[in-house]
Amino acid sequence: MPVQNQFSMSTAPHIVILTGAGISAESGVPTFRDANGLWENHRIEEVATLEAFGRNRALVHRFYNLRRAALATVEPNPAHVALAKLQREYPGRVTLITQNVDDLHERGGSREVIHMHGELLKARCAHCDDVISWGLDLNETLQCGACRRTGWMRPHIVWFGEVPMRMEEIQSVLNEVDIFIAVGTSGHVYPAAGFVQVAKFAGARTIEVNMDVTAMSDAFQEHLVGKAGKKVPALVEELLGNARG
């Protein structure tokens, strides 16, 4: 006879996972940012704001075209694969939220990912907000297929000064979380840096996975220090083992 799960879908703890740049860095995703916060002598804010898009669309497009092209040179690592396994095999709810704009979670096997900062492989019309999948270079001559305006297609990315995506949905799941896990996130960027406090208020078990101490480490109950590619698969096996009984 098959072994019965310790938890049913209705009783298994709800797991919410937040991933940040650290998990993708292990796959070799470049940051395009040096220690001075510059990219080709431009401050990152100068190529990642709505105002920058209005001033110099060609420059903004080139910045994101390079980032988009870089995705073809990297692959998911064991942490991405392990989180996808958790989503597939865990008997309860697993909500995966990422601050990353790459597609490594999806390529690692995850089917449901909340990209709170947008996605490099999508484009959006700055005039009518129509969103399309887009894996090629963007430029200022492209026409929106919905409103037919030319030059308004922008990366589907949350820029400085813009509100992260799907925040109502994220707030809802954080209010119901039982286990909150943050992987490879620095704790410097809000609102994501405040998620652990919301989870703690909901009574959740909180776990941080990171290479070092972060700005939000003190808020977590448990700490796994080391590479996500090693720590996350082990944590996933622990969670699945607890669920199987």
Protein backbone atom coordinates (compact mmCIF):
# COMPACT_ATOMS: atom_id res chain seq x y z
CA MET A 1 0.00 0.00 0.00
CA PRO A 2 1.22 3.51 -0.66
CA VAL A 3 2.35 5.51 2.36
CA GLN A 4 -0.32 7.99 3.43
CA ASN A 5 0.71 11.63 3.65
CA GLN A 6 0.84 13.04 7.16
CA PHE A 7 -1.03 16.10 5.91
CA SER A 8 -3.93 16.44 3.52
CA MET A 9 -4.19 19.35 1.09
CA SER A 10 -6.44 21.14 3.57
CA THR A 11 -4.21 20.63 6.65
CA ALA A 12 -0.68 20.87 5.26
CA PRO A 13 1.09 24.08 6.27
CA HIS A 14 0.96 26.79 3.62
CA ILE A 15 4.51 27.55 2.45
CA VAL A 16 5.44 30.94 0.96
CA ILE A 17 8.88 31.32 -0.62
CA LEU A 18 10.50 34.63 -1.57
CA THR A 19 13.55 34.48 -3.83
CA GLY A 20 15.98 37.27 -4.67
CA ALA A 21 19.06 37.97 -6.74
CA GLY A 22 21.20 35.49 -4.80
CA ILE A 23 19.47 32.44 -6.23
CA SER A 24 19.98 33.62 -9.81
CA ALA A 25 23.56 34.79 -9.17
CA GLU A 26 24.50 31.16 -8.57
CA SER A 27 23.41 30.47 -12.15
CA GLY A 28 25.66 33.26 -13.41
CA VAL A 29 23.03 35.92 -14.06
CA PRO A 30 24.99 39.19 -14.40
CA THR A 31 23.84 42.20 -12.42
CA PHE A 32 25.02 44.88 -14.89
CA ARG A 33 25.91 46.97 -11.83
CA ASP A 34 29.37 47.70 -10.47
CA ALA A 35 30.27 48.81 -6.96
CA ASN A 36 29.40 52.41 -7.82
CA GLY A 37 25.93 51.57 -9.10
CA LEU A 38 26.87 52.43 -12.68
CA TRP A 39 26.21 50.87 -16.07
CA GLU A 40 28.36 52.22 -18.92
CA ASN A 41 28.78 55.47 -16.94
CA HIS A 42 25.02 55.77 -16.43
CA ARG A 43 23.46 55.37 -13.02
CA ILE A 44 21.09 52.41 -13.00
CA GLU A 45 18.25 54.78 -12.15
CA GLU A 46 18.93 56.60 -15.41
CA VAL A 47 18.13 53.51 -17.47
CA ALA A 48 15.45 52.00 -15.23
CA THR A 49 12.81 54.68 -14.70
CA LEU A 50 9.80 55.90 -16.61
CA GLU A 51 11.50 59.29 -16.94
CA ALA A 52 14.55 57.67 -18.51
CA PHE A 53 12.29 55.86 -20.98
CA GLY A 54 10.78 59.20 -21.95
CA ARG A 55 14.20 60.83 -22.41
CA ASN A 56 16.15 58.12 -24.21
CA ARG A 57 14.22 55.02 -25.22
CA ALA A 58 17.07 53.65 -27.30
CA LEU A 59 19.39 53.59 -24.29
CA VAL A 60 16.79 51.99 -22.01
CA HIS A 61 16.04 49.35 -24.62
CA ARG A 62 19.73 48.57 -25.06
CA PHE A 63 20.15 48.05 -21.32
CA TYR A 64 17.29 45.55 -21.17
CA ASN A 65 18.12 43.93 -24.51
CA LEU A 66 21.52 43.01 -23.07
CA ARG A 67 19.92 41.60 -19.94
CA ARG A 68 17.42 39.64 -22.04
CA ALA A 69 20.17 38.22 -24.25
CA ALA A 70 22.14 37.17 -21.17
CA LEU A 71 19.35 34.80 -20.14
CA ALA A 72 20.30 32.53 -23.05
CA THR A 73 23.74 31.99 -21.47
CA VAL A 74 22.55 30.71 -18.06
CA GLU A 75 20.68 27.69 -16.73
CA PRO A 76 18.61 26.96 -13.61
CA ASN A 77 20.61 25.67 -10.66
CA PRO A 78 19.68 22.98 -8.09
CA ALA A 79 17.83 25.53 -5.94
CA HIS A 80 15.44 26.40 -8.78
CA VAL A 81 14.89 22.69 -9.49
CA ALA A 82 14.31 21.87 -5.83
CA LEU A 83 11.67 24.58 -5.41
CA ALA A 84 9.87 23.25 -8.48
CA LYS A 85 9.96 19.78 -6.91
CA LEU A 86 8.44 21.20 -3.73
CA GLN A 87 5.61 22.74 -5.75
CA ARG A 88 4.95 19.42 -7.51
CA GLU A 89 5.18 17.02 -4.58
CA TYR A 90 4.13 18.92 -1.47
CA PRO A 91 0.56 18.02 -0.47
CA GLY A 92 -0.32 21.57 0.51
CA ARG A 93 -0.11 25.03 -0.95
CA VAL A 94 3.26 26.44 -2.06
CA THR A 95 3.38 30.06 -3.18
CA LEU A 96 6.55 31.12 -4.96
CA ILE A 97 7.27 34.86 -5.13
CA THR A 98 10.40 36.20 -6.81
CA GLN A 99 12.05 39.59 -7.04
CA ASN A 100 13.94 38.32 -10.09
CA VAL A 101 12.94 39.16 -13.64
CA ASP A 102 14.57 36.13 -15.27
CA ASP A 103 12.79 32.90 -16.23
CA LEU A 104 15.00 30.47 -14.29
CA HIS A 105 12.22 29.35 -11.95
CA GLU A 106 10.05 28.44 -14.93
CA ARG A 107 12.90 26.69 -16.71
CA GLY A 108 13.63 24.83 -13.48
CA GLY A 109 10.13 23.40 -13.58
CA SER A 110 8.00 25.82 -11.55
CA ARG A 111 4.56 26.38 -13.03
CA GLU A 112 3.23 29.16 -10.84
CA VAL A 113 5.55 32.07 -10.05
CA ILE A 114 4.60 35.55 -8.86
CA HIS A 115 7.09 37.95 -10.49
CA MET A 116 6.64 41.01 -8.32
CA HIS A 117 9.23 43.02 -10.29
CA GLY A 118 8.09 41.90 -13.73
CA GLU A 119 9.56 39.64 -16.41
CA LEU A 120 12.31 40.24 -18.95
CA LEU A 121 10.63 37.96 -21.47
CA LYS A 122 7.52 40.10 -21.66
CA ALA A 123 6.84 43.57 -23.08
CA ARG A 124 4.13 46.08 -22.21
CA CYS A 125 2.66 49.04 -24.01
CA ALA A 126 3.26 52.16 -21.95
CA HIS A 127 0.11 53.67 -23.46
CA CYS A 128 -2.54 50.95 -23.19
CA ASP A 129 -0.82 48.46 -20.81
CA ASP A 130 -1.24 45.50 -23.17
CA VAL A 131 1.26 42.76 -22.19
CA ILE A 132 2.83 40.27 -24.60
CA SER A 133 5.50 37.57 -24.45
CA TRP A 134 8.69 38.87 -26.04
CA GLY A 135 12.08 37.21 -26.32
CA LEU A 136 13.69 39.43 -28.95
CA ASP A 137 15.22 42.90 -28.76
CA LEU A 138 12.88 45.80 -28.11
CA ASN A 139 13.30 49.11 -29.94
CA GLU A 140 11.54 52.45 -30.33
CA THR A 141 10.09 51.53 -33.74
CA LEU A 142 7.92 48.64 -32.54
CA GLN A 143 4.16 48.98 -32.77
CA CYS A 144 1.72 47.85 -30.09
CA GLY A 145 -0.53 45.14 -31.47
CA ALA A 146 -3.45 46.34 -29.35
CA CYS A 147 -3.54 50.14 -29.70
CA ARG A 148 -1.33 50.34 -32.81
CA ARG A 149 0.85 53.10 -31.37
CA THR A 150 4.53 53.05 -32.33
CA GLY A 151 7.39 53.50 -29.88
CA TRP A 152 5.46 52.79 -26.70
CA MET A 153 6.52 49.17 -26.11
CA ARG A 154 8.60 48.93 -22.93
CA PRO A 155 10.08 46.08 -20.89
CA HIS A 156 7.51 44.50 -18.57
CA ILE A 157 9.66 45.49 -15.61
CA VAL A 158 8.95 47.40 -12.41
CA TRP A 159 11.18 50.46 -12.59
CA PHE A 160 12.35 52.72 -9.79
CA GLY A 161 9.37 54.68 -8.50
CA GLU A 162 6.80 52.12 -9.69
CA VAL A 163 4.66 49.83 -7.53
CA PRO A 164 5.58 46.12 -7.55
CA MET A 165 3.13 43.81 -9.27
CA ARG A 166 0.42 41.63 -7.68
CA MET A 167 0.84 43.18 -4.23
CA GLU A 168 -2.76 42.52 -3.15
CA GLU A 169 -2.31 38.84 -3.93
CA ILE A 170 1.03 38.75 -2.11
CA GLN A 171 -0.44 40.44 0.95
CA SER A 172 -3.25 37.89 0.99
CA VAL A 173 -0.95 34.86 0.96
CA LEU A 174 1.34 36.38 3.60
CA ASN A 175 -1.65 36.76 5.89
CA GLU A 176 -2.28 33.00 5.59
CA VAL A 177 1.29 31.66 5.60
CA ASP A 178 2.49 28.92 7.97
CA ILE A 179 6.11 28.65 6.78
CA PHE A 180 7.89 31.63 5.21
CA ILE A 181 11.24 31.08 3.47
CA ALA A 182 13.45 33.80 1.97
CA VAL A 183 16.22 32.66 -0.39
CA GLY A 184 19.02 34.87 -1.66
CA THR A 185 17.42 38.21 -0.92
CA SER A 186 19.38 41.09 0.58
CA GLY A 187 16.66 42.61 2.71
CA HIS A 188 17.38 46.11 1.40
CA VAL A 189 14.52 46.42 -1.10
CA TYR A 190 11.01 47.19 0.12
CA PRO A 191 8.28 46.09 0.20
CA ALA A 192 9.84 42.59 -0.08
CA ALA A 193 12.12 43.25 2.88
CA GLY A 194 9.04 43.63 5.07
CA PHE A 195 7.40 40.33 4.09
CA VAL A 196 9.01 38.44 6.97
CA GLN A 197 7.40 40.79 9.48
CA VAL A 198 3.98 40.19 7.96
CA ALA A 199 4.61 36.44 8.05
CA LYS A 200 5.71 36.60 11.70
CA PHE A 201 2.54 38.49 12.56
CA ALA A 202 0.59 35.63 10.96
CA GLY A 203 2.41 33.19 13.26
CA ALA A 204 4.58 31.61 10.59
CA ARG A 205 7.81 29.68 11.01
CA THR A 206 10.44 31.86 9.30
CA ILE A 207 13.58 30.58 7.55
CA GLU A 208 16.33 32.56 5.81
CA VAL A 209 18.69 30.99 3.27
CA ASN A 210 21.61 33.20 2.33
CA MET A 211 25.36 33.36 1.91
CA ASP A 212 25.72 35.87 4.72
CA VAL A 213 23.89 37.95 7.30
CA THR A 214 21.42 40.37 5.72
CA ALA A 215 19.57 43.50 6.75
CA MET A 216 16.57 41.39 7.73
CA SER A 217 18.32 38.38 9.32
CA ASP A 218 17.33 39.32 12.87
CA ALA A 219 13.65 38.95 11.91
CA PHE A 220 14.02 35.25 11.07
CA GLN A 221 13.81 32.36 13.50
CA GLU A 222 16.07 30.02 11.49
CA HIS A 223 19.10 30.64 9.28
CA LEU A 224 20.69 28.40 6.67
CA VAL A 225 24.03 29.92 5.69
CA GLY A 226 25.56 28.82 2.40
CA LYS A 227 24.85 28.50 -1.29
CA ALA A 228 21.18 28.16 -2.20
CA GLY A 229 22.11 25.36 -4.61
CA LYS A 230 23.06 23.22 -1.62
CA LYS A 231 20.88 24.51 1.20
CA VAL A 232 17.54 24.71 -0.65
CA PRO A 233 17.46 21.07 -1.91
CA ALA A 234 18.15 19.85 1.63
CA LEU A 235 15.43 22.09 3.05
CA VAL A 236 12.96 20.89 0.41
CA GLU A 237 13.66 17.27 1.32
CA GLU A 238 13.05 18.12 4.99
CA LEU A 239 9.71 19.76 4.19
CA LEU A 240 8.62 16.89 1.96
CA GLY A 241 9.73 14.36 4.58
CA ASN A 242 7.66 16.11 7.26
CA ALA A 243 4.65 16.07 4.95
CA ARG A 244 5.02 12.37 4.15
CA GLY A 245 5.35 11.40 7.79
